[in-house]
All heavy atoms as atom14 arrays in JSON, in Angstrom:
{
  "sequence": "PATGELVLDGQPLRAFSRRAIARRIAVVAQEAELRFPVTVFEFVLGGR",
  "atom14_mask": [
    [1, 1, 1, 1, 1, 1, 1, 0, 0, 0, 0, 0, 0, 0],
    [1, 1, 1, 1, 1, 0, 0, 0, 0, 0, 0, 0, 0, 0],
    [1, 1, 1, 1, 1, 1, 1, 0, 0, 0, 0, 0, 0, 0],
    [1, 1, 1, 1, 0, 0, 0, 0, 0, 0, 0, 0, 0, 0],
    [1, 1, 1, 1, 1, 1, 1, 1, 1, 0, 0, 0, 0, 0],
    [1, 1, 1, 1, 1, 1, 1, 1, 0, 0, 0, 0, 0, 0],
    [1, 1, 1, 1, 1, 1, 1, 0, 0, 0, 0, 0, 0, 0],
    [1, 1, 1, 1, 1, 1, 1, 1, 0, 0, 0, 0, 0, 0],
    [1, 1, 1, 1, 1, 1, 1, 1, 0, 0, 0, 0, 0, 0],
    [1, 1, 1, 1, 0, 0, 0, 0, 0, 0, 0, 0, 0, 0],
    [1, 1, 1, 1, 1, 1, 1, 1, 1, 0, 0, 0, 0, 0],
    [1, 1, 1, 1, 1, 1, 1, 0, 0, 0, 0, 0, 0, 0],
    [1, 1, 1, 1, 1, 1, 1, 1, 0, 0, 0, 0, 0, 0],
    [1, 1, 1, 1, 1, 1, 1, 1, 1, 1, 1, 0, 0, 0],
    [1, 1, 1, 1, 1, 0, 0, 0, 0, 0, 0, 0, 0, 0],
    [1, 1, 1, 1, 1, 1, 1, 1, 1, 1, 1, 0, 0, 0],
    [1, 1, 1, 1, 1, 1, 0, 0, 0, 0, 0, 0, 0, 0],
    [1, 1, 1, 1, 1, 1, 1, 1, 1, 1, 1, 0, 0, 0],
    [1, 1, 1, 1, 1, 1, 1, 1, 1, 1, 1, 0, 0, 0],
    [1, 1, 1, 1, 1, 0, 0, 0, 0, 0, 0, 0, 0, 0],
    [1, 1, 1, 1, 1, 1, 1, 1, 0, 0, 0, 0, 0, 0],
    [1, 1, 1, 1, 1, 0, 0, 0, 0, 0, 0, 0, 0, 0],
    [1, 1, 1, 1, 1, 1, 1, 1, 1, 1, 1, 0, 0, 0],
    [1, 1, 1, 1, 1, 1, 1, 1, 1, 1, 1, 0, 0, 0],
    [1, 1, 1, 1, 1, 1, 1, 1, 0, 0, 0, 0, 0, 0],
    [1, 1, 1, 1, 1, 0, 0, 0, 0, 0, 0, 0, 0, 0],
    [1, 1, 1, 1, 1, 1, 1, 0, 0, 0, 0, 0, 0, 0],
    [1, 1, 1, 1, 1, 1, 1, 0, 0, 0, 0, 0, 0, 0],
    [1, 1, 1, 1, 1, 0, 0, 0, 0, 0, 0, 0, 0, 0],
    [1, 1, 1, 1, 1, 1, 1, 1, 1, 0, 0, 0, 0, 0],
    [1, 1, 1, 1, 1, 1, 1, 1, 1, 0, 0, 0, 0, 0],
    [1, 1, 1, 1, 1, 0, 0, 0, 0, 0, 0, 0, 0, 0],
    [1, 1, 1, 1, 1, 1, 1, 1, 1, 0, 0, 0, 0, 0],
    [1, 1, 1, 1, 1, 1, 1, 1, 0, 0, 0, 0, 0, 0],
    [1, 1, 1, 1, 1, 1, 1, 1, 1, 1, 1, 0, 0, 0],
    [1, 1, 1, 1, 1, 1, 1, 1, 1, 1, 1, 0, 0, 0],
    [1, 1, 1, 1, 1, 1, 1, 0, 0, 0, 0, 0, 0, 0],
    [1, 1, 1, 1, 1, 1, 1, 0, 0, 0, 0, 0, 0, 0],
    [1, 1, 1, 1, 1, 1, 1, 0, 0, 0, 0, 0, 0, 0],
    [1, 1, 1, 1, 1, 1, 1, 0, 0, 0, 0, 0, 0, 0],
    [1, 1, 1, 1, 1, 1, 1, 1, 1, 1, 1, 0, 0, 0],
    [1, 1, 1, 1, 1, 1, 1, 1, 1, 0, 0, 0, 0, 0],
    [1, 1, 1, 1, 1, 1, 1, 1, 1, 1, 1, 0, 0, 0],
    [1, 1, 1, 1, 1, 1, 1, 0, 0, 0, 0, 0, 0, 0],
    [1, 1, 1, 1, 1, 1, 1, 1, 0, 0, 0, 0, 0, 0],
    [1, 1, 1, 1, 0, 0, 0, 0, 0, 0, 0, 0, 0, 0],
    [1, 1, 1, 1, 0, 0, 0, 0, 0, 0, 0, 0, 0, 0],
    [1, 1, 1, 1, 1, 1, 1, 1, 1, 1, 1, 0, 0, 0]
  ],
  "atom14_positions": [
    [[74.55, -51.58, 14.27], [75.43, -52.68, 13.9], [76.56, -52.85, 14.9], [77.08, -51.87, 15.45], [75.96, -52.26, 12.52], [75.83, -50.77, 12.48], [74.62, -50.45, 13.32], [0.0, 0.0, 0.0], [0.0, 0.0, 0.0], [0.0, 0.0, 0.0], [0.0, 0.0, 0.0], [0.0, 0.0, 0.0], [0.0, 0.0, 0.0], [0.0, 0.0, 0.0]],
    [[76.95, -54.09, 15.14], [78.08, -54.36, 16.02], [79.39, -53.97, 15.37], [80.32, -53.49, 16.03], [78.09, -55.85, 16.41], [0.0, 0.0, 0.0], [0.0, 0.0, 0.0], [0.0, 0.0, 0.0], [0.0, 0.0, 0.0], [0.0, 0.0, 0.0], [0.0, 0.0, 0.0], [0.0, 0.0, 0.0], [0.0, 0.0, 0.0], [0.0, 0.0, 0.0]],
    [[79.47, -54.16, 14.07], [80.64, -53.75, 13.29], [80.15, -53.2, 11.96], [79.02, -53.41, 11.55], [81.59, -54.93, 13.03], [80.89, -55.95, 12.3], [82.11, -55.51, 14.34], [0.0, 0.0, 0.0], [0.0, 0.0, 0.0], [0.0, 0.0, 0.0], [0.0, 0.0, 0.0], [0.0, 0.0, 0.0], [0.0, 0.0, 0.0], [0.0, 0.0, 0.0]],
    [[81.02, -52.48, 11.27], [80.67, -51.9, 9.99], [80.04, -50.53, 10.13], [79.93, -49.98, 11.23], [0.0, 0.0, 0.0], [0.0, 0.0, 0.0], [0.0, 0.0, 0.0], [0.0, 0.0, 0.0], [0.0, 0.0, 0.0], [0.0, 0.0, 0.0], [0.0, 0.0, 0.0], [0.0, 0.0, 0.0], [0.0, 0.0, 0.0], [0.0, 0.0, 0.0]],
    [[79.62, -49.96, 9.02], [79.1, -48.6, 9.0], [77.91, -48.49, 8.06], [77.86, -49.14, 7.02], [80.21, -47.64, 8.52], [79.84, -46.17, 8.57], [79.81, -45.62, 9.99], [78.74, -45.75, 10.63], [80.83, -45.08, 10.45], [0.0, 0.0, 0.0], [0.0, 0.0, 0.0], [0.0, 0.0, 0.0], [0.0, 0.0, 0.0], [0.0, 0.0, 0.0]],
    [[76.94, -47.65, 8.47], [75.82, -47.27, 7.62], [76.02, -45.84, 7.18], [76.31, -44.96, 8.0], [74.5, -47.4, 8.38], [74.14, -48.81, 8.87], [72.95, -48.75, 9.81], [73.83, -49.71, 7.69], [0.0, 0.0, 0.0], [0.0, 0.0, 0.0], [0.0, 0.0, 0.0], [0.0, 0.0, 0.0], [0.0, 0.0, 0.0], [0.0, 0.0, 0.0]],
    [[75.85, -45.59, 5.88], [76.11, -44.28, 5.31], [74.88, -43.83, 4.53], [74.39, -44.55, 3.66], [77.35, -44.3, 4.39], [77.59, -42.93, 3.77], [78.58, -44.75, 5.17], [0.0, 0.0, 0.0], [0.0, 0.0, 0.0], [0.0, 0.0, 0.0], [0.0, 0.0, 0.0], [0.0, 0.0, 0.0], [0.0, 0.0, 0.0], [0.0, 0.0, 0.0]],
    [[74.4, -42.63, 4.84], [73.24, -42.05, 4.16], [73.66, -40.73, 3.53], [74.12, -39.82, 4.23], [72.1, -41.82, 5.16], [70.83, -41.15, 4.61], [70.2, -41.99, 3.52], [69.83, -40.9, 5.75], [0.0, 0.0, 0.0], [0.0, 0.0, 0.0], [0.0, 0.0, 0.0], [0.0, 0.0, 0.0], [0.0, 0.0, 0.0], [0.0, 0.0, 0.0]],
    [[73.52, -40.65, 2.22], [73.89, -39.43, 1.48], [75.29, -38.95, 1.84], [75.53, -37.75, 2.04], [72.86, -38.33, 1.75], [71.47, -38.68, 1.24], [71.37, -39.5, 0.31], [70.49, -38.15, 1.78], [0.0, 0.0, 0.0], [0.0, 0.0, 0.0], [0.0, 0.0, 0.0], [0.0, 0.0, 0.0], [0.0, 0.0, 0.0], [0.0, 0.0, 0.0]],
    [[76.2, -39.91, 1.97], [77.6, -39.57, 2.2], [77.99, -39.33, 3.64], [79.17, -39.06, 3.92], [0.0, 0.0, 0.0], [0.0, 0.0, 0.0], [0.0, 0.0, 0.0], [0.0, 0.0, 0.0], [0.0, 0.0, 0.0], [0.0, 0.0, 0.0], [0.0, 0.0, 0.0], [0.0, 0.0, 0.0], [0.0, 0.0, 0.0], [0.0, 0.0, 0.0]],
    [[77.05, -39.43, 4.58], [77.34, -39.2, 6.0], [76.93, -40.42, 6.82], [75.99, -41.13, 6.45], [76.58, -37.98, 6.51], [76.9, -36.68, 5.8], [76.13, -35.52, 6.39], [76.18, -35.27, 7.6], [75.4, -34.81, 5.55], [0.0, 0.0, 0.0], [0.0, 0.0, 0.0], [0.0, 0.0, 0.0], [0.0, 0.0, 0.0], [0.0, 0.0, 0.0]],
    [[77.61, -40.65, 7.96], [77.2, -41.78, 8.81], [75.75, -41.63, 9.25], [75.32, -40.54, 9.64], [78.16, -41.68, 10.0], [79.34, -40.93, 9.48], [78.8, -39.96, 8.48], [0.0, 0.0, 0.0], [0.0, 0.0, 0.0], [0.0, 0.0, 0.0], [0.0, 0.0, 0.0], [0.0, 0.0, 0.0], [0.0, 0.0, 0.0], [0.0, 0.0, 0.0]],
    [[75.0, -42.71, 9.2], [73.59, -42.65, 9.59], [73.44, -42.2, 11.03], [72.48, -41.5, 11.37], [72.95, -44.03, 9.39], [71.44, -44.12, 9.67], [70.66, -43.31, 8.64], [70.97, -45.57, 9.65], [0.0, 0.0, 0.0], [0.0, 0.0, 0.0], [0.0, 0.0, 0.0], [0.0, 0.0, 0.0], [0.0, 0.0, 0.0], [0.0, 0.0, 0.0]],
    [[74.38, -42.56, 11.9], [74.28, -42.2, 13.31], [74.39, -40.69, 13.54], [74.06, -40.2, 14.62], [75.37, -42.92, 14.12], [76.76, -42.8, 13.52], [77.78, -43.68, 14.26], [78.96, -43.92, 13.45], [79.92, -43.06, 13.25], [79.86, -41.85, 13.81], [80.96, -43.36, 12.49], [0.0, 0.0, 0.0], [0.0, 0.0, 0.0], [0.0, 0.0, 0.0]],
    [[74.83, -39.95, 12.52], [74.94, -38.49, 12.65], [73.6, -37.78, 12.45], [73.48, -36.59, 12.75], [75.96, -37.96, 11.65], [0.0, 0.0, 0.0], [0.0, 0.0, 0.0], [0.0, 0.0, 0.0], [0.0, 0.0, 0.0], [0.0, 0.0, 0.0], [0.0, 0.0, 0.0], [0.0, 0.0, 0.0], [0.0, 0.0, 0.0], [0.0, 0.0, 0.0]],
    [[72.58, -38.51, 11.97], [71.28, -37.91, 11.69], [70.35, -38.07, 12.89], [70.38, -39.09, 13.58], [70.62, -38.57, 10.47], [71.29, -38.29, 9.16], [72.37, -39.06, 8.73], [70.83, -37.26, 8.34], [72.98, -38.81, 7.52], [71.45, -37.01, 7.13], [72.51, -37.77, 6.71], [0.0, 0.0, 0.0], [0.0, 0.0, 0.0], [0.0, 0.0, 0.0]],
    [[69.49, -37.07, 13.11], [68.44, -37.2, 14.11], [67.35, -38.13, 13.58], [67.28, -38.43, 12.38], [67.82, -35.83, 14.42], [67.11, -35.35, 13.28], [0.0, 0.0, 0.0], [0.0, 0.0, 0.0], [0.0, 0.0, 0.0], [0.0, 0.0, 0.0], [0.0, 0.0, 0.0], [0.0, 0.0, 0.0], [0.0, 0.0, 0.0], [0.0, 0.0, 0.0]],
    [[66.47, -38.59, 14.48], [65.39, -39.47, 14.05], [64.47, -38.77, 13.05], [64.02, -39.37, 12.08], [64.56, -39.94, 15.26], [65.26, -40.93, 16.17], [65.8, -42.13, 15.43], [64.8, -42.83, 14.63], [65.06, -43.83, 13.8], [66.31, -44.22, 13.61], [64.09, -44.43, 13.12], [0.0, 0.0, 0.0], [0.0, 0.0, 0.0], [0.0, 0.0, 0.0]],
    [[64.21, -37.49, 13.26], [63.34, -36.77, 12.31], [64.03, -36.63, 10.96], [63.38, -36.78, 9.92], [62.98, -35.39, 12.87], [62.22, -34.53, 11.87], [61.57, -33.32, 12.5], [60.41, -33.71, 13.28], [59.44, -32.85, 13.62], [59.5, -31.59, 13.25], [58.41, -33.26, 14.32], [0.0, 0.0, 0.0], [0.0, 0.0, 0.0], [0.0, 0.0, 0.0]],
    [[65.32, -36.37, 10.96], [66.05, -36.25, 9.7], [66.05, -37.59, 8.95], [65.93, -37.63, 7.72], [67.48, -35.79, 9.96], [0.0, 0.0, 0.0], [0.0, 0.0, 0.0], [0.0, 0.0, 0.0], [0.0, 0.0, 0.0], [0.0, 0.0, 0.0], [0.0, 0.0, 0.0], [0.0, 0.0, 0.0], [0.0, 0.0, 0.0], [0.0, 0.0, 0.0]],
    [[66.18, -38.69, 9.69], [66.11, -40.01, 9.06], [64.72, -40.24, 8.48], [64.58, -40.75, 7.36], [66.48, -41.11, 10.07], [67.97, -41.03, 10.43], [66.15, -42.5, 9.51], [68.39, -41.98, 11.53], [0.0, 0.0, 0.0], [0.0, 0.0, 0.0], [0.0, 0.0, 0.0], [0.0, 0.0, 0.0], [0.0, 0.0, 0.0], [0.0, 0.0, 0.0]],
    [[63.68, -39.85, 9.22], [62.31, -40.06, 8.76], [62.0, -39.28, 7.48], [61.12, -39.67, 6.71], [61.33, -39.66, 9.86], [0.0, 0.0, 0.0], [0.0, 0.0, 0.0], [0.0, 0.0, 0.0], [0.0, 0.0, 0.0], [0.0, 0.0, 0.0], [0.0, 0.0, 0.0], [0.0, 0.0, 0.0], [0.0, 0.0, 0.0], [0.0, 0.0, 0.0]],
    [[62.7, -38.19, 7.26], [62.5, -37.43, 6.02], [63.16, -38.1, 4.83], [62.78, -37.85, 3.69], [63.07, -36.02, 6.18], [62.29, -35.14, 7.13], [62.96, -33.78, 7.28], [62.16, -32.89, 8.1], [62.52, -31.64, 8.41], [63.67, -31.16, 7.95], [61.75, -30.89, 9.17], [0.0, 0.0, 0.0], [0.0, 0.0, 0.0], [0.0, 0.0, 0.0]],
    [[64.14, -38.94, 5.1], [64.92, -39.55, 4.02], [64.64, -41.03, 3.82], [64.87, -41.56, 2.73], [66.42, -39.35, 4.32], [66.86, -37.9, 4.27], [68.24, -37.72, 4.91], [68.75, -36.36, 4.73], [68.41, -35.34, 5.51], [67.55, -35.52, 6.53], [68.9, -34.14, 5.29], [0.0, 0.0, 0.0], [0.0, 0.0, 0.0], [0.0, 0.0, 0.0]],
    [[64.18, -41.7, 4.88], [63.94, -43.15, 4.82], [62.52, -43.42, 5.32], [62.17, -43.03, 6.42], [64.94, -43.93, 5.67], [66.38, -43.65, 5.23], [64.65, -45.43, 5.6], [67.43, -44.28, 6.13], [0.0, 0.0, 0.0], [0.0, 0.0, 0.0], [0.0, 0.0, 0.0], [0.0, 0.0, 0.0], [0.0, 0.0, 0.0], [0.0, 0.0, 0.0]],
    [[61.73, -44.1, 4.51], [60.37, -44.48, 4.9], [60.28, -45.99, 4.97], [60.84, -46.7, 4.13], [59.34, -43.93, 3.91], [0.0, 0.0, 0.0], [0.0, 0.0, 0.0], [0.0, 0.0, 0.0], [0.0, 0.0, 0.0], [0.0, 0.0, 0.0], [0.0, 0.0, 0.0], [0.0, 0.0, 0.0], [0.0, 0.0, 0.0], [0.0, 0.0, 0.0]],
    [[59.56, -46.48, 5.98], [59.48, -47.92, 6.24], [58.05, -48.4, 6.06], [57.1, -47.77, 6.54], [59.96, -48.25, 7.66], [59.85, -49.75, 7.92], [61.4, -47.78, 7.85], [0.0, 0.0, 0.0], [0.0, 0.0, 0.0], [0.0, 0.0, 0.0], [0.0, 0.0, 0.0], [0.0, 0.0, 0.0], [0.0, 0.0, 0.0], [0.0, 0.0, 0.0]],
    [[57.91, -49.52, 5.38], [56.62, -50.22, 5.28], [56.76, -51.51, 6.08], [57.44, -52.44, 5.65], [56.25, -50.53, 3.82], [54.96, -51.33, 3.77], [56.09, -49.24, 3.04], [0.0, 0.0, 0.0], [0.0, 0.0, 0.0], [0.0, 0.0, 0.0], [0.0, 0.0, 0.0], [0.0, 0.0, 0.0], [0.0, 0.0, 0.0], [0.0, 0.0, 0.0]],
    [[56.15, -51.54, 7.27], [56.22, -52.72, 8.11], [55.16, -53.73, 7.68], [54.25, -53.42, 6.9], [56.03, -52.33, 9.57], [0.0, 0.0, 0.0], [0.0, 0.0, 0.0], [0.0, 0.0, 0.0], [0.0, 0.0, 0.0], [0.0, 0.0, 0.0], [0.0, 0.0, 0.0], [0.0, 0.0, 0.0], [0.0, 0.0, 0.0], [0.0, 0.0, 0.0]],
    [[55.25, -54.95, 8.23], [54.29, -55.99, 7.84], [52.89, -55.68, 8.33], [51.91, -56.05, 7.72], [54.74, -57.34, 8.41], [55.99, -57.89, 7.75], [56.3, -59.3, 8.18], [55.42, -60.14, 8.25], [57.55, -59.57, 8.48], [0.0, 0.0, 0.0], [0.0, 0.0, 0.0], [0.0, 0.0, 0.0], [0.0, 0.0, 0.0], [0.0, 0.0, 0.0]],
    [[52.77, -55.0, 9.46], [51.45, -54.72, 10.03], [51.51, -53.41, 10.79], [52.45, -53.15, 11.52], [51.01, -55.84, 10.96], [49.6, -55.68, 11.53], [48.53, -55.75, 10.45], [48.56, -56.66, 9.62], [47.64, -54.87, 10.45], [0.0, 0.0, 0.0], [0.0, 0.0, 0.0], [0.0, 0.0, 0.0], [0.0, 0.0, 0.0], [0.0, 0.0, 0.0]],
    [[50.51, -52.55, 10.59], [50.47, -51.27, 11.28], [50.12, -51.49, 12.75], [49.24, -52.27, 13.09], [49.43, -50.35, 10.64], [0.0, 0.0, 0.0], [0.0, 0.0, 0.0], [0.0, 0.0, 0.0], [0.0, 0.0, 0.0], [0.0, 0.0, 0.0], [0.0, 0.0, 0.0], [0.0, 0.0, 0.0], [0.0, 0.0, 0.0], [0.0, 0.0, 0.0]],
    [[50.85, -50.79, 13.63], [50.55, -50.84, 15.06], [49.65, -49.65, 15.39], [50.05, -48.5, 15.25], [51.83, -50.76, 15.88], [51.59, -50.82, 17.37], [52.88, -50.72, 18.18], [53.96, -50.78, 17.57], [52.8, -50.56, 19.4], [0.0, 0.0, 0.0], [0.0, 0.0, 0.0], [0.0, 0.0, 0.0], [0.0, 0.0, 0.0], [0.0, 0.0, 0.0]],
    [[48.43, -49.94, 15.82], [47.45, -48.89, 16.08], [47.05, -48.91, 17.55], [46.4, -49.84, 18.01], [46.22, -49.09, 15.18], [46.49, -49.02, 13.68], [45.24, -49.4, 12.92], [46.97, -47.65, 13.28], [0.0, 0.0, 0.0], [0.0, 0.0, 0.0], [0.0, 0.0, 0.0], [0.0, 0.0, 0.0], [0.0, 0.0, 0.0], [0.0, 0.0, 0.0]],
    [[47.46, -47.9, 18.27], [47.12, -47.83, 19.69], [45.81, -47.11, 19.93], [45.23, -47.21, 21.0], [48.26, -47.14, 20.46], [49.58, -47.91, 20.36], [50.67, -47.25, 21.18], [51.93, -47.99, 21.06], [53.06, -47.63, 21.65], [53.1, -46.53, 22.4], [54.16, -48.35, 21.5], [0.0, 0.0, 0.0], [0.0, 0.0, 0.0], [0.0, 0.0, 0.0]],
    [[45.36, -46.35, 18.96], [44.07, -45.69, 19.07], [43.5, -45.56, 17.66], [44.25, -45.51, 16.69], [44.18, -44.33, 19.76], [45.23, -43.43, 19.15], [44.91, -42.58, 18.09], [46.54, -43.42, 19.63], [45.86, -41.76, 17.53], [47.49, -42.59, 19.06], [47.16, -41.75, 18.03], [0.0, 0.0, 0.0], [0.0, 0.0, 0.0], [0.0, 0.0, 0.0]],
    [[42.18, -45.51, 17.53], [41.58, -45.51, 16.19], [41.79, -44.18, 15.46], [41.56, -43.11, 16.01], [40.09, -45.76, 16.47], [39.88, -45.31, 17.87], [41.16, -45.58, 18.6], [0.0, 0.0, 0.0], [0.0, 0.0, 0.0], [0.0, 0.0, 0.0], [0.0, 0.0, 0.0], [0.0, 0.0, 0.0], [0.0, 0.0, 0.0], [0.0, 0.0, 0.0]],
    [[42.23, -44.28, 14.23], [42.36, -43.12, 13.35], [41.79, -43.52, 12.0], [41.73, -44.7, 11.65], [43.82, -42.66, 13.18], [44.38, -42.14, 14.49], [44.69, -43.79, 12.62], [0.0, 0.0, 0.0], [0.0, 0.0, 0.0], [0.0, 0.0, 0.0], [0.0, 0.0, 0.0], [0.0, 0.0, 0.0], [0.0, 0.0, 0.0], [0.0, 0.0, 0.0]],
    [[41.36, -42.54, 11.23], [40.88, -42.84, 9.89], [42.05, -43.13, 8.96], [43.21, -42.8, 9.26], [40.07, -41.67, 9.32], [40.95, -40.55, 9.11], [38.92, -41.27, 10.24], [0.0, 0.0, 0.0], [0.0, 0.0, 0.0], [0.0, 0.0, 0.0], [0.0, 0.0, 0.0], [0.0, 0.0, 0.0], [0.0, 0.0, 0.0], [0.0, 0.0, 0.0]],
    [[41.74, -43.74, 7.84], [42.77, -44.02, 6.84], [43.42, -42.71, 6.39], [44.65, -42.62, 6.27], [42.15, -44.76, 5.63], [43.15, -44.87, 4.49], [41.67, -46.15, 6.06], [0.0, 0.0, 0.0], [0.0, 0.0, 0.0], [0.0, 0.0, 0.0], [0.0, 0.0, 0.0], [0.0, 0.0, 0.0], [0.0, 0.0, 0.0], [0.0, 0.0, 0.0]],
    [[42.61, -41.67, 6.18], [43.17, -40.38, 5.76], [44.13, -39.84, 6.81], [45.24, -39.4, 6.48], [42.05, -39.37, 5.51], [42.54, -38.07, 4.93], [42.6, -37.88, 3.56], [42.96, -37.02, 5.75], [43.05, -36.68, 3.01], [43.42, -35.83, 5.22], [43.47, -35.66, 3.84], [0.0, 0.0, 0.0], [0.0, 0.0, 0.0], [0.0, 0.0, 0.0]],
    [[43.74, -39.88, 8.07], [44.59, -39.36, 9.15], [45.88, -40.17, 9.27], [46.95, -39.62, 9.51], [43.83, -39.38, 10.47], [42.69, -38.38, 10.54], [41.76, -38.64, 11.7], [41.71, -39.8, 12.2], [41.05, -37.7, 12.11], [0.0, 0.0, 0.0], [0.0, 0.0, 0.0], [0.0, 0.0, 0.0], [0.0, 0.0, 0.0], [0.0, 0.0, 0.0]],
    [[45.75, -41.49, 9.11], [46.92, -42.36, 9.21], [47.93, -42.03, 8.11], [49.14, -41.9, 8.36], [46.5, -43.82, 9.13], [47.64, -44.79, 9.18], [48.25, -45.11, 10.38], [48.11, -45.4, 8.02], [49.31, -46.01, 10.43], [49.17, -46.29, 8.05], [49.77, -46.6, 9.26], [0.0, 0.0, 0.0], [0.0, 0.0, 0.0], [0.0, 0.0, 0.0]],
    [[47.46, -41.91, 6.88], [48.36, -41.61, 5.77], [48.93, -40.19, 5.91], [50.13, -39.97, 5.7], [47.63, -41.78, 4.42], [48.52, -41.36, 3.25], [47.17, -43.23, 4.25], [0.0, 0.0, 0.0], [0.0, 0.0, 0.0], [0.0, 0.0, 0.0], [0.0, 0.0, 0.0], [0.0, 0.0, 0.0], [0.0, 0.0, 0.0], [0.0, 0.0, 0.0]],
    [[48.1, -39.25, 6.28], [48.56, -37.87, 6.5], [49.69, -37.82, 7.53], [50.6, -37.0, 7.42], [47.4, -37.0, 6.95], [47.71, -35.53, 7.3], [48.23, -34.78, 6.07], [46.46, -34.85, 7.86], [0.0, 0.0, 0.0], [0.0, 0.0, 0.0], [0.0, 0.0, 0.0], [0.0, 0.0, 0.0], [0.0, 0.0, 0.0], [0.0, 0.0, 0.0]],
    [[49.66, -38.73, 8.5], [50.7, -38.77, 9.52], [52.09, -38.99, 8.96], [53.09, -38.66, 9.62], [0.0, 0.0, 0.0], [0.0, 0.0, 0.0], [0.0, 0.0, 0.0], [0.0, 0.0, 0.0], [0.0, 0.0, 0.0], [0.0, 0.0, 0.0], [0.0, 0.0, 0.0], [0.0, 0.0, 0.0], [0.0, 0.0, 0.0], [0.0, 0.0, 0.0]],
    [[52.18, -39.52, 7.74], [53.48, -39.69, 7.11], [54.16, -38.37, 6.79], [55.38, -38.33, 6.56], [0.0, 0.0, 0.0], [0.0, 0.0, 0.0], [0.0, 0.0, 0.0], [0.0, 0.0, 0.0], [0.0, 0.0, 0.0], [0.0, 0.0, 0.0], [0.0, 0.0, 0.0], [0.0, 0.0, 0.0], [0.0, 0.0, 0.0], [0.0, 0.0, 0.0]],
    [[53.41, -37.28, 6.78], [53.98, -35.96, 6.51], [54.52, -35.28, 7.77], [55.09, -34.2, 7.7], [52.89, -35.06, 5.89], [52.31, -35.55, 4.59], [53.27, -35.43, 3.43], [53.75, -34.08, 3.25], [54.68, -33.71, 2.37], [55.22, -34.63, 1.59], [55.07, -32.47, 2.27], [0.0, 0.0, 0.0], [0.0, 0.0, 0.0], [0.0, 0.0, 0.0]]
  ]
}
């Protein structure tokens, strides 16, 4: 953001690493970007 603040669990979001954010915030995009073929099981497992 150009101005204002984002706060996650009482701390600024910018203080978290990308992996720490991924453990706390999950995103469902409009379309999956697939650069190589994976099975549905492998794709979903990747969320872990």
